[in-house]
Amino acid sequence: MVRIRLARGGSKKRPYYRVVVADQKSKRDGRYLEHIGFYNPMVSDNRFEIDSDRFNYWISVGAQPTDRVNKLIKNSKA
């Protein structure tokens, strides 16, 4: 199954996340199919950005977003 999830980057105590499309069996920071956005919890403005066209494409193909990605998308639309 293909999932849309967060892959962690950044240094110790300074997280930075990439929104990636990856196979469910791959590791959290491992191999992924496509990078479609980012989430930076350390800043106050422009924390979350995603390519909505690519997100909608992957949803139409059958990819499922994780709970955290769903929450970020709903918060960004509000």
PDB file of N, CA and C in Angstrom:
ATOM      1  N   MET A   1       0.841  -1.178   0.000  1.00  0.00           N
ATOM      2  CA  MET A   1       0.000   0.000   0.000  1.00  0.00           C
ATOM      3  C   MET A   1       0.889   1.245   0.000  1.00  0.00           C
ATOM      4  N   VAL A   2       0.493   2.244  -0.731  1.00  0.00           N
ATOM      5  CA  VAL A   2       1.236   3.503  -0.819  1.00  0.00           C
ATOM      6  C   VAL A   2       0.637   4.498   0.178  1.00  0.00           C
ATOM      7  N   ARG A   3       1.523   5.152   0.929  1.00  0.00           N
ATOM      8  CA  ARG A   3       1.101   6.115   1.940  1.00  0.00           C
ATOM      9  C   ARG A   3       1.724   7.479   1.672  1.00  0.00           C
ATOM     10  N   ILE A   4       0.998   8.512   2.059  1.00  0.00           N
ATOM     11  CA  ILE A   4       1.534   9.878   2.040  1.00  0.00           C
ATOM     12  C   ILE A   4       1.858  10.197   3.489  1.00  0.00           C
ATOM     13  N   ARG A   5       3.149  10.383   3.774  1.00  0.00           N
ATOM     14  CA  ARG A   5       3.567  10.516   5.167  1.00  0.00           C
ATOM     15  C   ARG A   5       4.724  11.492   5.307  1.00  0.00           C
ATOM     16  N   LEU A   6       5.165  11.688   6.559  1.00  0.00           N
ATOM     17  CA  LEU A   6       6.257  12.596   6.858  1.00  0.00           C
ATOM     18  C   LEU A   6       7.564  11.819   6.997  1.00  0.00           C
ATOM     19  N   ALA A   7       8.637  12.362   6.425  1.00  0.00           N
ATOM     20  CA  ALA A   7       9.977  11.817   6.591  1.00  0.00           C
ATOM     21  C   ALA A   7      10.796  12.871   7.327  1.00  0.00           C
ATOM     22  N   ARG A   8      11.438  12.468   8.414  1.00  0.00           N
ATOM     23  CA  ARG A   8      12.137  13.433   9.270  1.00  0.00           C
ATOM     24  C   ARG A   8      13.510  13.779   8.720  1.00  0.00           C
ATOM     25  N   GLY A   9      13.835  15.046   8.860  1.00  0.00           N
ATOM     26  CA  GLY A   9      15.159  15.546   8.524  1.00  0.00           C
ATOM     27  C   GLY A   9      15.572  16.529   9.594  1.00  0.00           C
ATOM     28  N   GLY A  10      16.630  17.254   9.364  1.00  0.00           N
ATOM     29  CA  GLY A  10      17.079  18.226  10.342  1.00  0.00           C
ATOM     30  C   GLY A  10      18.000  17.599  11.364  1.00  0.00           C
ATOM     31  N   SER A  11      18.455  18.416  12.283  1.00  0.00           N
ATOM     32  CA  SER A  11      19.391  17.941  13.290  1.00  0.00           C
ATOM     33  C   SER A  11      18.670  17.659  14.604  1.00  0.00           C
ATOM     34  N   LYS A  12      19.443  17.291  15.582  1.00  0.00           N
ATOM     35  CA  LYS A  12      18.896  16.969  16.895  1.00  0.00           C
ATOM     36  C   LYS A  12      18.152  18.179  17.483  1.00  0.00           C
ATOM     37  N   LYS A  13      16.935  17.963  17.905  1.00  0.00           N
ATOM     38  CA  LYS A  13      16.059  18.987  18.497  1.00  0.00           C
ATOM     39  C   LYS A  13      15.701  20.121  17.542  1.00  0.00           C
ATOM     40  N   ARG A  14      15.930  19.956  16.241  1.00  0.00           N
ATOM     41  CA  ARG A  14      15.546  20.931  15.219  1.00  0.00           C
ATOM     42  C   ARG A  14      14.911  20.181  14.054  1.00  0.00           C
ATOM     43  N   PRO A  15      13.725  19.602  14.266  1.00  0.00           N
ATOM     44  CA  PRO A  15      13.139  18.754  13.224  1.00  0.00           C
ATOM     45  C   PRO A  15      12.657  19.532  12.009  1.00  0.00           C
ATOM     46  N   TYR A  16      12.694  18.847  10.900  1.00  0.00           N
ATOM     47  CA  TYR A  16      12.192  19.352   9.630  1.00  0.00           C
ATOM     48  C   TYR A  16      11.649  18.124   8.908  1.00  0.00           C
ATOM     49  N   TYR A  17      10.448  18.228   8.377  1.00  0.00           N
ATOM     50  CA  TYR A  17       9.819  17.058   7.765  1.00  0.00           C
ATOM     51  C   TYR A  17       9.527  17.306   6.294  1.00  0.00           C
ATOM     52  N   ARG A  18       9.722  16.276   5.479  1.00  0.00           N
ATOM     53  CA  ARG A  18       9.327  16.298   4.080  1.00  0.00           C
ATOM     54  C   ARG A  18       8.057  15.470   3.960  1.00  0.00           C
ATOM     55  N   VAL A  19       7.099  15.942   3.193  1.00  0.00           N
ATOM     56  CA  VAL A  19       5.897  15.160   2.908  1.00  0.00           C
ATOM     57  C   VAL A  19       6.230  14.322   1.689  1.00  0.00           C
ATOM     58  N   VAL A  20       6.220  13.001   1.865  1.00  0.00           N
ATOM     59  CA  VAL A  20       6.633  12.104   0.797  1.00  0.00           C
ATOM     60  C   VAL A  20       5.560  11.056   0.534  1.00  0.00           C
ATOM     61  N   VAL A  21       5.616  10.506  -0.668  1.00  0.00           N
ATOM     62  CA  VAL A  21       4.765   9.373  -1.044  1.00  0.00           C
ATOM     63  C   VAL A  21       5.687   8.161  -1.026  1.00  0.00           C
ATOM     64  N   ALA A  22       5.372   7.173  -0.186  1.00  0.00           N
ATOM     65  CA  ALA A  22       6.251   6.027  -0.018  1.00  0.00           C
ATOM     66  C   ALA A  22       5.442   4.759   0.165  1.00  0.00           C
ATOM     67  N   ASP A  23       6.076   3.645  -0.120  1.00  0.00           N
ATOM     68  CA  ASP A  23       5.460   2.355   0.148  1.00  0.00           C
ATOM     69  C   ASP A  23       5.380   2.171   1.658  1.00  0.00           C
ATOM     70  N   GLN A  24       4.343   1.540   2.117  1.00  0.00           N
ATOM     71  CA  GLN A  24       4.113   1.386   3.550  1.00  0.00           C
ATOM     72  C   GLN A  24       5.228   0.578   4.219  1.00  0.00           C
ATOM     73  N   LYS A  25       5.866  -0.310   3.480  1.00  0.00           N
ATOM     74  CA  LYS A  25       6.887  -1.181   4.051  1.00  0.00           C
ATOM     75  C   LYS A  25       8.249  -0.512   4.176  1.00  0.00           C
ATOM     76  N   SER A  26       8.465   0.616   3.516  1.00  0.00           N
ATOM     77  CA  SER A  26       9.766   1.279   3.587  1.00  0.00           C
ATOM     78  C   SER A  26       9.920   2.002   4.920  1.00  0.00           C
ATOM     79  N   LYS A  27      11.161   2.268   5.299  1.00  0.00           N
ATOM     80  CA  LYS A  27      11.459   2.920   6.568  1.00  0.00           C
ATOM     81  C   LYS A  27      10.998   4.370   6.561  1.00  0.00           C
ATOM     82  N   ARG A  28      10.915   4.965   7.741  1.00  0.00           N
ATOM     83  CA  ARG A  28      10.416   6.328   7.869  1.00  0.00           C
ATOM     84  C   ARG A  28      11.225   7.316   7.048  1.00  0.00           C
ATOM     85  N   ASP A  29      12.537   7.219   7.112  1.00  0.00           N
ATOM     86  CA  ASP A  29      13.398   8.140   6.379  1.00  0.00           C
ATOM     87  C   ASP A  29      14.031   7.467   5.167  1.00  0.00           C
ATOM     88  N   GLY A  30      13.500   6.333   4.777  1.00  0.00           N
ATOM     89  CA  GLY A  30      14.099   5.567   3.697  1.00  0.00           C
ATOM     90  C   GLY A  30      13.596   5.961   2.318  1.00  0.00           C
ATOM     91  N   ARG A  31      13.548   4.969   1.462  1.00  0.00           N
ATOM     92  CA  ARG A  31      13.196   5.173   0.062  1.00  0.00           C
ATOM     93  C   ARG A  31      11.755   5.667  -0.084  1.00  0.00           C
ATOM     94  N   TYR A  32      11.564   6.607  -1.001  1.00  0.00           N
ATOM     95  CA  TYR A  32      10.226   7.116  -1.269  1.00  0.00           C
ATOM     96  C   TYR A  32      10.036   7.304  -2.762  1.00  0.00           C
ATOM     97  N   LEU A  33       8.769   7.425  -3.185  1.00  0.00           N
ATOM     98  CA  LEU A  33       8.444   7.566  -4.603  1.00  0.00           C
ATOM     99  C   LEU A  33       8.522   9.009  -5.068  1.00  0.00           C
ATOM    100  N   GLU A  34       8.009   9.919  -4.250  1.00  0.00           N
ATOM    101  CA  GLU A  34       7.997  11.329  -4.646  1.00  0.00           C
ATOM    102  C   GLU A  34       7.937  12.226  -3.418  1.00  0.00           C
ATOM    103  N   HIS A  35       8.610  13.353  -3.502  1.00  0.00           N
ATOM    104  CA  HIS A  35       8.598  14.393  -2.475  1.00  0.00           C
ATOM    105  C   HIS A  35       7.566  15.433  -2.919  1.00  0.00           C
ATOM    106  N   ILE A  36       6.518  15.662  -2.104  1.00  0.00           N
ATOM    107  CA  ILE A  36       5.452  16.570  -2.539  1.00  0.00           C
ATOM    108  C   ILE A  36       5.248  17.784  -1.637  1.00  0.00           C
ATOM    109  N   GLY A  37       6.021  17.927  -0.574  1.00  0.00           N
ATOM    110  CA  GLY A  37       5.845  19.087   0.279  1.00  0.00           C
ATOM    111  C   GLY A  37       6.769  19.058   1.477  1.00  0.00           C
ATOM    112  N   PHE A  38       6.536  19.984   2.418  1.00  0.00           N
ATOM    113  CA  PHE A  38       7.346  20.039   3.632  1.00  0.00           C
ATOM    114  C   PHE A  38       6.510  20.519   4.802  1.00  0.00           C
ATOM    115  N   TYR A  39       7.028  20.254   6.011  1.00  0.00           N
ATOM    116  CA  TYR A  39       6.446  20.743   7.247  1.00  0.00           C
ATOM    117  C   TYR A  39       7.593  21.107   8.175  1.00  0.00           C
ATOM    118  N   ASN A  40       7.635  22.374   8.604  1.00  0.00           N
ATOM    119  CA  ASN A  40       8.679  22.843   9.498  1.00  0.00           C
ATOM    120  C   ASN A  40       8.037  23.361  10.779  1.00  0.00           C
ATOM    121  N   PRO A  41       8.013  22.566  11.846  1.00  0.00           N
ATOM    122  CA  PRO A  41       7.352  22.996  13.084  1.00  0.00           C
ATOM    123  C   PRO A  41       8.119  24.050  13.867  1.00  0.00           C
ATOM    124  N   MET A  42       9.344  24.373  13.456  1.00  0.00           N
ATOM    125  CA  MET A  42      10.176  25.303  14.209  1.00  0.00           C
ATOM    126  C   MET A  42       9.937  26.767  13.859  1.00  0.00           C
ATOM    127  N   VAL A  43       9.194  27.052  12.805  1.00  0.00           N
ATOM    128  CA  VAL A  43       8.932  28.438  12.415  1.00  0.00           C
ATOM    129  C   VAL A  43       7.463  28.773  12.639  1.00  0.00           C
ATOM    130  N   SER A  44       7.173  30.063  12.711  1.00  0.00           N
ATOM    131  CA  SER A  44       5.791  30.459  12.972  1.00  0.00           C
ATOM    132  C   SER A  44       4.999  30.721  11.691  1.00  0.00           C
ATOM    133  N   ASP A  45       5.675  31.157  10.626  1.00  0.00           N
ATOM    134  CA  ASP A  45       4.958  31.410   9.377  1.00  0.00           C
ATOM    135  C   ASP A  45       5.448  30.443   8.296  1.00  0.00           C
ATOM    136  N   ASN A  46       4.555  30.073   7.386  1.00  0.00           N
ATOM    137  CA  ASN A  46       4.858  29.139   6.303  1.00  0.00           C
ATOM    138  C   ASN A  46       5.384  27.808   6.845  1.00  0.00           C
ATOM    139  N   ARG A  47       4.644  27.231   7.787  1.00  0.00           N
ATOM    140  CA  ARG A  47       5.050  25.976   8.416  1.00  0.00           C
ATOM    141  C   ARG A  47       4.840  24.773   7.521  1.00  0.00           C
ATOM    142  N   PHE A  48       3.754  24.803   6.712  1.00  0.00           N
ATOM    143  CA  PHE A  48       3.370  23.625   5.948  1.00  0.00           C
ATOM    144  C   PHE A  48       3.058  24.026   4.519  1.00  0.00           C
ATOM    145  N   GLU A  49       3.599  23.286   3.576  1.00  0.00           N
ATOM    146  CA  GLU A  49       3.318  23.529   2.168  1.00  0.00           C
ATOM    147  C   GLU A  49       3.285  22.185   1.450  1.00  0.00           C
ATOM    148  N   ILE A  50       2.307  22.043   0.529  1.00  0.00           N
ATOM    149  CA  ILE A  50       2.179  20.800  -0.220  1.00  0.00           C
ATOM    150  C   ILE A  50       1.741  21.126  -1.641  1.00  0.00           C
ATOM    151  N   ASP A  51       2.206  20.337  -2.590  1.00  0.00           N
ATOM    152  CA  ASP A  51       1.801  20.478  -3.986  1.00  0.00           C
ATOM    153  C   ASP A  51       0.432  19.796  -4.118  1.00  0.00           C
ATOM    154  N   SER A  52      -0.627  20.599  -4.157  1.00  0.00           N
ATOM    155  CA  SER A  52      -1.985  20.045  -4.124  1.00  0.00           C
ATOM    156  C   SER A  52      -2.315  19.211  -5.356  1.00  0.00           C
ATOM    157  N   ASP A  53      -1.755  19.564  -6.516  1.00  0.00           N
ATOM    158  CA  ASP A  53      -2.008  18.774  -7.726  1.00  0.00           C
ATOM    159  C   ASP A  53      -1.464  17.355  -7.572  1.00  0.00           C
ATOM    160  N   ARG A  54      -0.230  17.256  -7.083  1.00  0.00           N
ATOM    161  CA  ARG A  54       0.379  15.932  -6.899  1.00  0.00           C
ATOM    162  C   ARG A  54      -0.309  15.168  -5.767  1.00  0.00           C
ATOM    163  N   PHE A  55      -0.719  15.876  -4.715  1.00  0.00           N
ATOM    164  CA  PHE A  55      -1.440  15.227  -3.619  1.00  0.00           C
ATOM    165  C   PHE A  55      -2.750  14.627  -4.136  1.00  0.00           C
ATOM    166  N   ASN A  56      -3.504  15.415  -4.903  1.00  0.00           N
ATOM    167  CA  ASN A  56      -4.771  14.915  -5.452  1.00  0.00           C
ATOM    168  C   ASN A  56      -4.554  13.758  -6.412  1.00  0.00           C
ATOM    169  N   TYR A  57      -3.459  13.807  -7.190  1.00  0.00           N
ATOM    170  CA  TYR A  57      -3.154  12.702  -8.090  1.00  0.00           C
ATOM    171  C   TYR A  57      -2.924  11.414  -7.299  1.00  0.00           C
ATOM    172  N   TRP A  58      -2.090  11.486  -6.266  1.00  0.00           N
ATOM    173  CA  TRP A  58      -1.786  10.277  -5.501  1.00  0.00           C
ATOM    174  C   TRP A  58      -3.011   9.755  -4.753  1.00  0.00           C
ATOM    175  N   ILE A  59      -3.875  10.637  -4.299  1.00  0.00           N
ATOM    176  CA  ILE A  59      -5.120  10.201  -3.654  1.00  0.00           C
ATOM    177  C   ILE A  59      -5.998   9.476  -4.674  1.00  0.00           C
ATOM    178  N   SER A  60      -6.073   9.997  -5.899  1.00  0.00           N
ATOM    179  CA  SER A  60      -6.903   9.370  -6.938  1.00  0.00           C
ATOM    180  C   SER A  60      -6.367   8.003  -7.347  1.00  0.00           C
ATOM    181  N   VAL A  61      -5.061   7.803  -7.231  1.00  0.00           N
ATOM    182  CA  VAL A  61      -4.450   6.525  -7.591  1.00  0.00           C
ATOM    183  C   VAL A  61      -4.630   5.501  -6.470  1.00  0.00           C
ATOM    184  N   GLY A  62      -4.919   5.960  -5.250  1.00  0.00           N
ATOM    185  CA  GLY A  62      -5.183   5.034  -4.158  1.00  0.00           C
ATOM    186  C   GLY A  62      -4.268   5.173  -2.963  1.00  0.00           C
ATOM    187  N   ALA A  63      -3.402   6.169  -2.961  1.00  0.00           N
ATOM    188  CA  ALA A  63      -2.530   6.389  -1.805  1.00  0.00           C
ATOM    189  C   ALA A  63      -3.362   6.915  -0.642  1.00  0.00           C
ATOM    190  N   GLN A  64      -2.964   6.540   0.572  1.00  0.00           N
ATOM    191  CA  GLN A  64      -3.680   6.988   1.752  1.00  0.00           C
ATOM    192  C   GLN A  64      -2.771   7.842   2.622  1.00  0.00           C
ATOM    193  N   PRO A  65      -3.208   9.043   2.990  1.00  0.00           N
ATOM    194  CA  PRO A  65      -2.393   9.877   3.873  1.00  0.00           C
ATOM    195  C   PRO A  65      -2.456   9.366   5.315  1.00  0.00           C
ATOM    196  N   THR A  66      -1.389   9.611   6.059  1.00  0.00           N
ATOM    197  CA  THR A  66      -1.374   9.242   7.468  1.00  0.00           C
ATOM    198  C   THR A  66      -2.241  10.229   8.247  1.00  0.00           C
ATOM    199  N   ASP A  67      -2.491   9.916   9.505  1.00  0.00           N
ATOM    200  CA  ASP A  67      -3.316  10.785  10.340  1.00  0.00           C
ATOM    201  C   ASP A  67      -2.705  12.179  10.477  1.00  0.00           C
ATOM    202  N   ARG A  68      -1.393  12.240  10.664  1.00  0.00           N
ATOM    203  CA  ARG A  68      -0.728  13.534  10.840  1.00  0.00           C
ATOM    204  C   ARG A  68      -0.815  14.371   9.571  1.00  0.00           C
ATOM    205  N   VAL A  69      -0.632  13.770   8.416  1.00  0.00           N
ATOM    206  CA  VAL A  69      -0.721  14.512   7.155  1.00  0.00           C
ATOM    207  C   VAL A  69      -2.152  15.007   6.944  1.00  0.00           C
ATOM    208  N   ASN A  70      -3.132  14.178   7.254  1.00  0.00           N
ATOM    209  CA  ASN A  70      -4.540  14.609   7.152  1.00  0.00           C
ATOM    210  C   ASN A  70      -4.788  15.833   8.034  1.00  0.00           C
ATOM    211  N   LYS A  71      -4.273  15.790   9.267  1.00  0.00           N
ATOM    212  CA  LYS A  71      -4.468  16.899  10.201  1.00  0.00           C
ATOM    213  C   LYS A  71      -3.806  18.177   9.684  1.00  0.00           C
ATOM    214  N   LEU A  72      -2.598  18.073   9.138  1.00  0.00           N
ATOM    215  CA  LEU A  72      -1.902  19.235   8.594  1.00  0.00           C
ATOM    216  C   LEU A  72      -2.649  19.840   7.421  1.00  0.00           C
ATOM    217  N   ILE A  73      -3.194  18.994   6.558  1.00  0.00           N
ATOM    218  CA  ILE A  73      -3.924  19.488   5.387  1.00  0.00           C
ATOM    219  C   ILE A  73      -5.211  20.189   5.800  1.00  0.00           C
ATOM    220  N   LYS A  74      -5.912  19.624   6.761  1.00  0.00           N
ATOM    221  CA  LYS A  74      -7.138  20.253   7.229  1.00  0.00           C
ATOM    222  C   LYS A  74      -6.861  21.588   7.906  1.00  0.00           C
ATOM    223  N   ASN A  75      -5.756  21.671   8.658  1.00  0.00           N
ATOM    224  CA  ASN A  75      -5.400  22.934   9.311  1.00  0.00           C
ATOM    225  C   ASN A  75      -4.963  23.988   8.298  1.00  0.00           C
ATOM    226  N   SER A  76      -4.325  23.570   7.219  1.00  0.00           N
ATOM    227  CA  SER A  76      -3.860  24.537   6.228  1.00  0.00           C
ATOM    228  C   SER A  76      -5.011  25.110   5.419  1.00  0.00           C
ATOM    229  N   LYS A  77      -6.074  24.345   5.224  1.00  0.00           N
ATOM    230  CA  LYS A  77      -7.239  24.822   4.472  1.00  0.00           C
ATOM    231  C   LYS A  77      -8.089  25.763   5.298  1.00  0.00           C
ATOM    232  N   ALA A  78      -8.037  25.645   6.611  1.00  0.00           N
ATOM    233  CA  ALA A  78      -8.875  26.480   7.489  1.00  0.00           C
ATOM    234  C   ALA A  78      -8.339  27.872   7.655  1.00  0.00           C
TER     235      ALA A  78
END
